[in-house]
Amino acid sequence: MGAIAGEPEAVQEKIVENFVKLLKRSGDIEKIDNIMSVIEKATIKKKGGRTVDVIVPRKIPEALLSKIKNSFTAKDKITIKIDEKIISGVKIIIDDEKIIDNSLATTLKRMFI
């Protein structure tokens, strides 16, 4: 929403309201989550940041979470996701490109495929 950030709050609300009306009229309202995700990623990238998804099998301790977050810049948007299917280990995806996949599930797949 960086494009309208300089506008007064009332103007921003009206722009968003009109955008939602447009999506409803065109039948694309069910795509709003994807549209907002693309807008958010573009805004982060424009500001020099990256989107970082850290996928772990269970909730991680706060100390480890801080270490992970400190490995990236303040401009980066870091999201921690829990996926029990990875069994153990971690996956780190930066800007929608798999960078690190150190999960047990992937290791087992590599061994048996």
Protein backbone atom coordinates (compact mmCIF):
# COMPACT_ATOMS: atom_id res chain seq x y z
CA MET A 1 0.00 0.00 0.00
CA GLY A 2 3.06 2.19 -0.33
CA ALA A 3 1.53 3.92 -3.38
CA ILE A 4 -1.15 5.54 -1.24
CA ALA A 5 0.85 5.90 1.98
CA GLY A 6 1.18 9.68 1.60
CA GLU A 7 -2.56 10.17 1.28
CA PRO A 8 -4.78 11.10 4.25
CA GLU A 9 -6.35 8.14 6.03
CA ALA A 10 -9.84 8.92 4.72
CA VAL A 11 -8.54 8.94 1.14
CA GLN A 12 -6.70 5.65 1.71
CA GLU A 13 -9.88 4.04 3.04
CA LYS A 14 -11.86 5.25 0.01
CA ILE A 15 -9.25 3.89 -2.41
CA VAL A 16 -9.29 0.49 -0.71
CA GLU A 17 -13.09 0.49 -0.62
CA ASN A 18 -13.24 1.26 -4.36
CA PHE A 19 -10.68 -1.44 -5.09
CA VAL A 20 -12.75 -4.03 -3.23
CA LYS A 21 -15.88 -2.92 -5.13
CA LEU A 22 -13.98 -3.34 -8.40
CA LEU A 23 -12.92 -6.86 -7.42
CA LYS A 24 -16.53 -7.76 -6.54
CA ARG A 25 -17.85 -6.37 -9.83
CA SER A 26 -15.26 -8.23 -11.90
CA GLY A 27 -15.82 -11.49 -9.99
CA ASP A 28 -12.24 -11.53 -8.69
CA ILE A 29 -12.99 -10.98 -4.99
CA GLU A 30 -12.02 -14.59 -4.18
CA LYS A 31 -8.50 -13.71 -5.39
CA ILE A 32 -8.06 -10.87 -2.90
CA ASP A 33 -5.66 -12.81 -0.66
CA ASN A 34 -3.37 -13.54 -3.61
CA ILE A 35 -3.61 -9.96 -4.86
CA MET A 36 -2.75 -8.56 -1.43
CA SER A 37 0.17 -10.99 -1.13
CA VAL A 38 1.60 -9.83 -4.47
CA ILE A 39 1.16 -6.17 -3.47
CA GLU A 40 2.86 -6.79 -0.12
CA LYS A 41 5.80 -8.61 -1.72
CA ALA A 42 6.24 -5.86 -4.33
CA THR A 43 6.18 -3.19 -1.61
CA ILE A 44 8.78 -5.07 0.47
CA LYS A 45 11.00 -5.53 -2.59
CA LYS A 46 10.67 -1.86 -3.57
CA LYS A 47 11.93 -0.89 -0.09
CA GLY A 48 14.96 -3.19 -0.51
CA GLY A 49 13.66 -6.08 1.57
CA ARG A 50 12.89 -9.73 0.95
CA THR A 51 10.09 -12.06 1.99
CA VAL A 52 11.48 -14.88 4.10
CA ASP A 53 9.46 -17.94 5.07
CA VAL A 54 11.02 -20.06 7.80
CA ILE A 55 9.20 -23.39 7.98
CA VAL A 56 9.67 -25.56 11.05
CA PRO A 57 7.88 -28.68 12.33
CA ARG A 58 6.84 -27.17 15.66
CA LYS A 59 6.96 -23.97 17.68
CA ILE A 60 10.56 -22.94 18.28
CA PRO A 61 12.03 -21.34 21.41
CA GLU A 62 12.14 -17.54 21.50
CA ALA A 63 15.97 -17.49 21.68
CA LEU A 64 16.24 -19.48 18.43
CA LEU A 65 13.57 -17.31 16.83
CA SER A 66 15.61 -14.20 17.68
CA LYS A 67 18.76 -15.74 16.15
CA ILE A 68 16.88 -16.53 12.95
CA LYS A 69 15.41 -13.02 12.73
CA ASN A 70 18.79 -11.44 13.41
CA SER A 71 20.19 -13.30 10.40
CA PHE A 72 18.16 -11.01 8.14
CA THR A 73 17.79 -7.26 7.77
CA ALA A 74 15.12 -5.05 9.28
CA LYS A 75 13.72 -4.51 5.77
CA ASP A 76 13.02 -8.23 5.36
CA LYS A 77 9.59 -9.62 6.26
CA ILE A 78 10.13 -12.87 8.13
CA THR A 79 7.25 -15.28 8.57
CA ILE A 80 7.54 -18.38 10.75
CA LYS A 81 5.30 -21.22 9.58
CA ILE A 82 4.69 -24.57 11.24
CA ASP A 83 4.44 -27.64 9.03
CA GLU A 84 4.50 -30.94 10.93
CA LYS A 85 5.06 -32.84 7.67
CA ILE A 86 8.73 -31.81 7.57
CA ILE A 87 9.25 -33.94 10.73
CA SER A 88 12.40 -32.12 11.85
CA GLY A 89 14.85 -29.57 10.49
CA VAL A 90 14.03 -26.33 8.71
CA LYS A 91 13.14 -24.93 5.30
CA ILE A 92 13.97 -21.34 4.45
CA ILE A 93 12.39 -19.79 1.38
CA ILE A 94 13.50 -16.33 0.30
CA ASP A 95 11.43 -14.44 -2.27
CA ASP A 96 9.50 -17.61 -3.16
CA GLU A 97 12.68 -19.47 -4.15
CA LYS A 98 13.66 -22.45 -2.02
CA ILE A 99 17.07 -21.62 -0.59
CA ILE A 100 17.58 -24.12 2.21
CA ASP A 101 15.71 -27.36 2.71
CA ASN A 102 17.29 -29.14 5.61
CA SER A 103 14.17 -31.04 6.62
CA LEU A 104 14.14 -34.72 7.53
CA ALA A 105 11.27 -35.35 5.11
CA THR A 106 13.33 -34.08 2.14
CA THR A 107 16.42 -35.98 3.29
CA LEU A 108 14.41 -39.21 3.43
CA LYS A 109 12.91 -38.54 -0.02
CA ARG A 110 16.40 -38.06 -1.47
CA MET A 111 17.57 -41.33 0.05
CA PHE A 112 14.73 -43.42 -1.33
CA ILE A 113 14.01 -41.84 -4.72
